[in-house]
């Protein structure tokens, strides 16, 4: 089945638990941007962020590759 909340495909025996998790987990908001200069490293993969990379910024201001 396809989850109506997150659009992931989930097996029918896991659908109830998945729906509860989807409906109760907090939403993480972020700002999407394109870097205008090289700046530090990705908080997820730890590779250097370079000019032109599409990045996202978490509310805590951590930057990562989108």
PDB file of N, CA and C in Angstrom:
ATOM      1  N   UNK A   1       0.834  -1.190   0.000  1.00  0.00           N
ATOM      2  CA  UNK A   1       0.000   0.000   0.000  1.00  0.00           C
ATOM      3  C   UNK A   1       0.878   1.253   0.000  1.00  0.00           C
ATOM      4  N   UNK A   2       0.335   2.324  -0.527  1.00  0.00           N
ATOM      5  CA  UNK A   2       1.042   3.603  -0.525  1.00  0.00           C
ATOM      6  C   UNK A   2       0.510   4.440   0.630  1.00  0.00           C
ATOM      7  N   UNK A   3       1.407   4.904   1.492  1.00  0.00           N
ATOM      8  CA  UNK A   3       1.022   5.717   2.646  1.00  0.00           C
ATOM      9  C   UNK A   3       0.462   7.053   2.160  1.00  0.00           C
ATOM     10  N   UNK A   4      -0.728   7.438   2.630  1.00  0.00           N
ATOM     11  CA  UNK A   4      -1.299   8.716   2.211  1.00  0.00           C
ATOM     12  C   UNK A   4      -0.610   9.937   2.836  1.00  0.00           C
ATOM     13  N   UNK A   5       0.228   9.702   3.828  1.00  0.00           N
ATOM     14  CA  UNK A   5       0.911  10.808   4.508  1.00  0.00           C
ATOM     15  C   UNK A   5       2.268  11.105   3.865  1.00  0.00           C
ATOM     16  N   UNK A   6       3.100  10.061   3.717  1.00  0.00           N
ATOM     17  CA  UNK A   6       4.469  10.276   3.226  1.00  0.00           C
ATOM     18  C   UNK A   6       4.707   9.718   1.826  1.00  0.00           C
ATOM     19  N   UNK A   7       3.727   9.019   1.276  1.00  0.00           N
ATOM     20  CA  UNK A   7       3.783   8.438  -0.071  1.00  0.00           C
ATOM     21  C   UNK A   7       4.757   7.269  -0.216  1.00  0.00           C
ATOM     22  N   UNK A   8       5.253   6.731   0.887  1.00  0.00           N
ATOM     23  CA  UNK A   8       6.114   5.553   0.814  1.00  0.00           C
ATOM     24  C   UNK A   8       5.245   4.312   0.646  1.00  0.00           C
ATOM     25  N   UNK A   9       5.811   3.287   0.009  1.00  0.00           N
ATOM     26  CA  UNK A   9       5.108   2.020  -0.124  1.00  0.00           C
ATOM     27  C   UNK A   9       5.428   1.153   1.090  1.00  0.00           C
ATOM     28  N   UNK A  10       4.376   0.620   1.723  1.00  0.00           N
ATOM     29  CA  UNK A  10       4.504  -0.144   2.961  1.00  0.00           C
ATOM     30  C   UNK A  10       3.707  -1.432   2.807  1.00  0.00           C
ATOM     31  N   UNK A  11       4.220  -2.535   3.370  1.00  0.00           N
ATOM     32  CA  UNK A  11       3.477  -3.795   3.298  1.00  0.00           C
ATOM     33  C   UNK A  11       2.194  -3.681   4.129  1.00  0.00           C
ATOM     34  N   UNK A  12       1.204  -4.440   3.756  1.00  0.00           N
ATOM     35  CA  UNK A  12      -0.117  -4.328   4.396  1.00  0.00           C
ATOM     36  C   UNK A  12      -0.070  -4.653   5.884  1.00  0.00           C
ATOM     37  N   UNK A  13       0.810  -5.562   6.308  1.00  0.00           N
ATOM     38  CA  UNK A  13       0.876  -5.901   7.733  1.00  0.00           C
ATOM     39  C   UNK A  13       1.575  -4.826   8.563  1.00  0.00           C
ATOM     40  N   UNK A  14       2.293  -3.908   7.935  1.00  0.00           N
ATOM     41  CA  UNK A  14       2.974  -2.825   8.655  1.00  0.00           C
ATOM     42  C   UNK A  14       2.254  -1.481   8.524  1.00  0.00           C
ATOM     43  N   UNK A  15       1.180  -1.445   7.749  1.00  0.00           N
ATOM     44  CA  UNK A  15       0.524  -0.176   7.434  1.00  0.00           C
ATOM     45  C   UNK A  15      -0.009   0.541   8.669  1.00  0.00           C
ATOM     46  N   UNK A  16      -0.654  -0.174   9.592  1.00  0.00           N
ATOM     47  CA  UNK A  16      -1.212   0.479  10.783  1.00  0.00           C
ATOM     48  C   UNK A  16      -0.126   1.168  11.607  1.00  0.00           C
ATOM     49  N   UNK A  17       0.952   0.453  11.880  1.00  0.00           N
ATOM     50  CA  UNK A  17       2.051   1.025  12.661  1.00  0.00           C
ATOM     51  C   UNK A  17       2.697   2.187  11.916  1.00  0.00           C
ATOM     52  N   UNK A  18       2.891   2.010  10.612  1.00  0.00           N
ATOM     53  CA  UNK A  18       3.496   3.073   9.812  1.00  0.00           C
ATOM     54  C   UNK A  18       2.646   4.346   9.836  1.00  0.00           C
ATOM     55  N   UNK A  19       1.341   4.202   9.692  1.00  0.00           N
ATOM     56  CA  UNK A  19       0.458   5.374   9.713  1.00  0.00           C
ATOM     57  C   UNK A  19       0.521   6.102  11.042  1.00  0.00           C
ATOM     58  N   UNK A  20       0.540   5.364  12.135  1.00  0.00           N
ATOM     59  CA  UNK A  20       0.641   5.995  13.456  1.00  0.00           C
ATOM     60  C   UNK A  20       1.944   6.776  13.554  1.00  0.00           C
ATOM     61  N   UNK A  21       3.049   6.175  13.099  1.00  0.00           N
ATOM     62  CA  UNK A  21       4.342   6.857  13.153  1.00  0.00           C
ATOM     63  C   UNK A  21       4.344   8.094  12.264  1.00  0.00           C
ATOM     64  N   UNK A  22       3.771   7.995  11.073  1.00  0.00           N
ATOM     65  CA  UNK A  22       3.726   9.136  10.153  1.00  0.00           C
ATOM     66  C   UNK A  22       2.902  10.289  10.714  1.00  0.00           C
ATOM     67  N   UNK A  23       1.819   9.965  11.361  1.00  0.00           N
ATOM     68  CA  UNK A  23       0.909  11.003  11.860  1.00  0.00           C
ATOM     69  C   UNK A  23       1.386  11.631  13.157  1.00  0.00           C
ATOM     70  N   UNK A  24       2.278  10.968  13.886  1.00  0.00           N
ATOM     71  CA  UNK A  24       2.692  11.499  15.185  1.00  0.00           C
ATOM     72  C   UNK A  24       4.111  12.047  15.212  1.00  0.00           C
ATOM     73  N   UNK A  25       4.936  11.734  14.192  1.00  0.00           N
ATOM     74  CA  UNK A  25       6.311  12.244  14.237  1.00  0.00           C
ATOM     75  C   UNK A  25       6.331  13.737  13.936  1.00  0.00           C
ATOM     76  N   UNK A  26       7.220  14.457  14.599  1.00  0.00           N
ATOM     77  CA  UNK A  26       7.296  15.900  14.333  1.00  0.00           C
ATOM     78  C   UNK A  26       7.819  16.175  12.939  1.00  0.00           C
ATOM     79  N   UNK A  27       7.308  17.186  12.320  1.00  0.00           N
ATOM     80  CA  UNK A  27       7.769  17.590  10.990  1.00  0.00           C
ATOM     81  C   UNK A  27       9.022  18.439  11.139  1.00  0.00           C
ATOM     82  N   UNK A  28      10.029  18.132  10.330  1.00  0.00           N
ATOM     83  CA  UNK A  28      11.250  18.929  10.319  1.00  0.00           C
ATOM     84  C   UNK A  28      11.142  19.901   9.161  1.00  0.00           C
ATOM     85  N   UNK A  29      11.257  21.161   9.464  1.00  0.00           N
ATOM     86  CA  UNK A  29      11.218  22.153   8.397  1.00  0.00           C
ATOM     87  C   UNK A  29      12.638  22.624   8.103  1.00  0.00           C
ATOM     88  N   UNK A  30      12.861  23.001   6.899  1.00  0.00           N
ATOM     89  CA  UNK A  30      14.177  23.474   6.508  1.00  0.00           C
ATOM     90  C   UNK A  30      14.029  24.484   5.386  1.00  0.00           C
ATOM     91  N   UNK A  31      15.051  25.240   5.192  1.00  0.00           N
ATOM     92  CA  UNK A  31      15.116  26.172   4.074  1.00  0.00           C
ATOM     93  C   UNK A  31      16.015  25.563   3.021  1.00  0.00           C
ATOM     94  N   UNK A  32      15.565  25.586   1.777  1.00  0.00           N
ATOM     95  CA  UNK A  32      16.384  25.079   0.680  1.00  0.00           C
ATOM     96  C   UNK A  32      17.060  26.273   0.015  1.00  0.00           C
ATOM     97  N   UNK A  33      18.314  26.097  -0.359  1.00  0.00           N
ATOM     98  CA  UNK A  33      19.057  27.196  -0.955  1.00  0.00           C
ATOM     99  C   UNK A  33      20.160  26.622  -1.841  1.00  0.00           C
ATOM    100  N   UNK A  34      20.787  27.482  -2.605  1.00  0.00           N
ATOM    101  CA  UNK A  34      21.944  27.111  -3.413  1.00  0.00           C
ATOM    102  C   UNK A  34      23.107  27.947  -2.911  1.00  0.00           C
ATOM    103  N   UNK A  35      24.213  27.276  -2.621  1.00  0.00           N
ATOM    104  CA  UNK A  35      25.363  27.990  -2.063  1.00  0.00           C
ATOM    105  C   UNK A  35      25.967  28.947  -3.073  1.00  0.00           C
ATOM    106  N   UNK A  36      26.277  30.149  -2.603  1.00  0.00           N
ATOM    107  CA  UNK A  36      26.898  31.141  -3.468  1.00  0.00           C
ATOM    108  C   UNK A  36      28.417  31.147  -3.283  1.00  0.00           C
ATOM    109  N   UNK A  37      28.919  30.403  -2.293  1.00  0.00           N
ATOM    110  CA  UNK A  37      30.365  30.286  -2.082  1.00  0.00           C
ATOM    111  C   UNK A  37      30.656  28.973  -1.359  1.00  0.00           C
ATOM    112  N   UNK A  38      31.881  28.485  -1.456  1.00  0.00           N
ATOM    113  CA  UNK A  38      32.281  27.281  -0.734  1.00  0.00           C
ATOM    114  C   UNK A  38      32.177  27.568   0.760  1.00  0.00           C
ATOM    115  N   UNK A  39      31.604  26.609   1.517  1.00  0.00           N
ATOM    116  CA  UNK A  39      31.433  26.882   2.936  1.00  0.00           C
ATOM    117  C   UNK A  39      31.337  25.607   3.762  1.00  0.00           C
ATOM    118  N   UNK A  40      32.391  25.265   4.453  1.00  0.00           N
ATOM    119  CA  UNK A  40      32.371  24.182   5.427  1.00  0.00           C
ATOM    120  C   UNK A  40      32.040  22.810   4.871  1.00  0.00           C
ATOM    121  N   UNK A  41      31.459  21.986   5.729  1.00  0.00           N
ATOM    122  CA  UNK A  41      31.158  20.619   5.340  1.00  0.00           C
ATOM    123  C   UNK A  41      29.703  20.263   5.630  1.00  0.00           C
ATOM    124  N   UNK A  42      29.216  19.267   4.929  1.00  0.00           N
ATOM    125  CA  UNK A  42      27.859  18.756   5.083  1.00  0.00           C
ATOM    126  C   UNK A  42      27.740  18.079   6.452  1.00  0.00           C
ATOM    127  N   UNK A  43      26.686  18.392   7.192  1.00  0.00           N
ATOM    128  CA  UNK A  43      26.481  17.810   8.518  1.00  0.00           C
ATOM    129  C   UNK A  43      26.142  16.322   8.442  1.00  0.00           C
ATOM    130  N   UNK A  44      25.752  15.826   7.272  1.00  0.00           N
ATOM    131  CA  UNK A  44      25.381  14.423   7.124  1.00  0.00           C
ATOM    132  C   UNK A  44      26.553  13.590   6.600  1.00  0.00           C
ATOM    133  N   UNK A  45      27.067  13.933   5.411  1.00  0.00           N
ATOM    134  CA  UNK A  45      28.116  13.099   4.788  1.00  0.00           C
ATOM    135  C   UNK A  45      29.531  13.595   5.095  1.00  0.00           C
ATOM    136  N   UNK A  46      29.645  14.774   5.672  1.00  0.00           N
ATOM    137  CA  UNK A  46      30.918  15.372   6.071  1.00  0.00           C
ATOM    138  C   UNK A  46      31.829  15.751   4.899  1.00  0.00           C
ATOM    139  N   UNK A  47      31.285  15.759   3.664  1.00  0.00           N
ATOM    140  CA  UNK A  47      32.055  16.222   2.519  1.00  0.00           C
ATOM    141  C   UNK A  47      31.953  17.739   2.437  1.00  0.00           C
ATOM    142  N   UNK A  48      32.940  18.347   1.809  1.00  0.00           N
ATOM    143  CA  UNK A  48      32.950  19.800   1.677  1.00  0.00           C
ATOM    144  C   UNK A  48      31.772  20.289   0.839  1.00  0.00           C
ATOM    145  N   UNK A  49      31.139  21.360   1.282  1.00  0.00           N
ATOM    146  CA  UNK A  49      30.076  21.997   0.507  1.00  0.00           C
ATOM    147  C   UNK A  49      30.720  22.981  -0.451  1.00  0.00           C
ATOM    148  N   UNK A  50      30.285  22.945  -1.709  1.00  0.00           N
ATOM    149  CA  UNK A  50      30.904  23.786  -2.721  1.00  0.00           C
ATOM    150  C   UNK A  50      29.871  24.691  -3.381  1.00  0.00           C
ATOM    151  N   UNK A  51      30.356  25.783  -3.924  1.00  0.00           N
ATOM    152  CA  UNK A  51      29.504  26.739  -4.620  1.00  0.00           C
ATOM    153  C   UNK A  51      28.641  26.018  -5.646  1.00  0.00           C
ATOM    154  N   UNK A  52      27.341  26.309  -5.651  1.00  0.00           N
ATOM    155  CA  UNK A  52      26.416  25.699  -6.601  1.00  0.00           C
ATOM    156  C   UNK A  52      25.688  24.478  -6.057  1.00  0.00           C
ATOM    157  N   UNK A  53      26.152  23.910  -4.926  1.00  0.00           N
ATOM    158  CA  UNK A  53      25.453  22.774  -4.315  1.00  0.00           C
ATOM    159  C   UNK A  53      24.079  23.208  -3.830  1.00  0.00           C
ATOM    160  N   UNK A  54      23.089  22.329  -4.007  1.00  0.00           N
ATOM    161  CA  UNK A  54      21.775  22.576  -3.413  1.00  0.00           C
ATOM    162  C   UNK A  54      21.841  22.064  -1.991  1.00  0.00           C
ATOM    163  N   UNK A  55      21.514  22.925  -1.049  1.00  0.00           N
ATOM    164  CA  UNK A  55      21.619  22.563   0.364  1.00  0.00           C
ATOM    165  C   UNK A  55      20.299  22.826   1.069  1.00  0.00           C
ATOM    166  N   UNK A  56      20.170  22.237   2.229  1.00  0.00           N
ATOM    167  CA  UNK A  56      19.033  22.496   3.100  1.00  0.00           C
ATOM    168  C   UNK A  56      19.587  22.882   4.465  1.00  0.00           C
ATOM    169  N   UNK A  57      18.840  23.704   5.166  1.00  0.00           N
ATOM    170  CA  UNK A  57      19.287  24.175   6.480  1.00  0.00           C
ATOM    171  C   UNK A  57      18.211  23.807   7.489  1.00  0.00           C
ATOM    172  N   UNK A  58      18.613  23.075   8.532  1.00  0.00           N
ATOM    173  CA  UNK A  58      17.686  22.697   9.590  1.00  0.00           C
ATOM    174  C   UNK A  58      17.442  23.881  10.525  1.00  0.00           C
ATOM    175  N   UNK A  59      16.399  23.809  11.350  1.00  0.00           N
ATOM    176  CA  UNK A  59      16.148  24.901  12.306  1.00  0.00           C
ATOM    177  C   UNK A  59      17.336  25.182  13.209  1.00  0.00           C
ATOM    178  N   UNK A  60      18.195  24.182  13.457  1.00  0.00           N
ATOM    179  CA  UNK A  60      19.377  24.391  14.301  1.00  0.00           C
ATOM    180  C   UNK A  60      20.506  25.053  13.508  1.00  0.00           C
ATOM    181  N   UNK A  61      20.262  25.372  12.235  1.00  0.00           N
ATOM    182  CA  UNK A  61      21.180  26.028  11.307  1.00  0.00           C
ATOM    183  C   UNK A  61      22.249  25.103  10.736  1.00  0.00           C
ATOM    184  N   UNK A  62      22.180  23.798  11.005  1.00  0.00           N
ATOM    185  CA  UNK A  62      23.084  22.839  10.355  1.00  0.00           C
ATOM    186  C   UNK A  62      22.752  22.802   8.868  1.00  0.00           C
ATOM    187  N   UNK A  63      23.781  22.721   8.034  1.00  0.00           N
ATOM    188  CA  UNK A  63      23.609  22.708   6.582  1.00  0.00           C
ATOM    189  C   UNK A  63      23.993  21.331   6.063  1.00  0.00           C
ATOM    190  N   UNK A  64      23.206  20.821   5.106  1.00  0.00           N
ATOM    191  CA  UNK A  64      23.525  19.536   4.494  1.00  0.00           C
ATOM    192  C   UNK A  64      23.106  19.542   3.036  1.00  0.00           C
ATOM    193  N   UNK A  65      23.661  18.580   2.259  1.00  0.00           N
ATOM    194  CA  UNK A  65      23.279  18.438   0.854  1.00  0.00           C
ATOM    195  C   UNK A  65      21.808  18.056   0.777  1.00  0.00           C
ATOM    196  N   UNK A  66      21.071  18.691  -0.090  1.00  0.00           N
ATOM    197  CA  UNK A  66      19.635  18.363  -0.233  1.00  0.00           C
ATOM    198  C   UNK A  66      19.488  17.144  -1.085  1.00  0.00           C
TER     199      UNK A  66
END
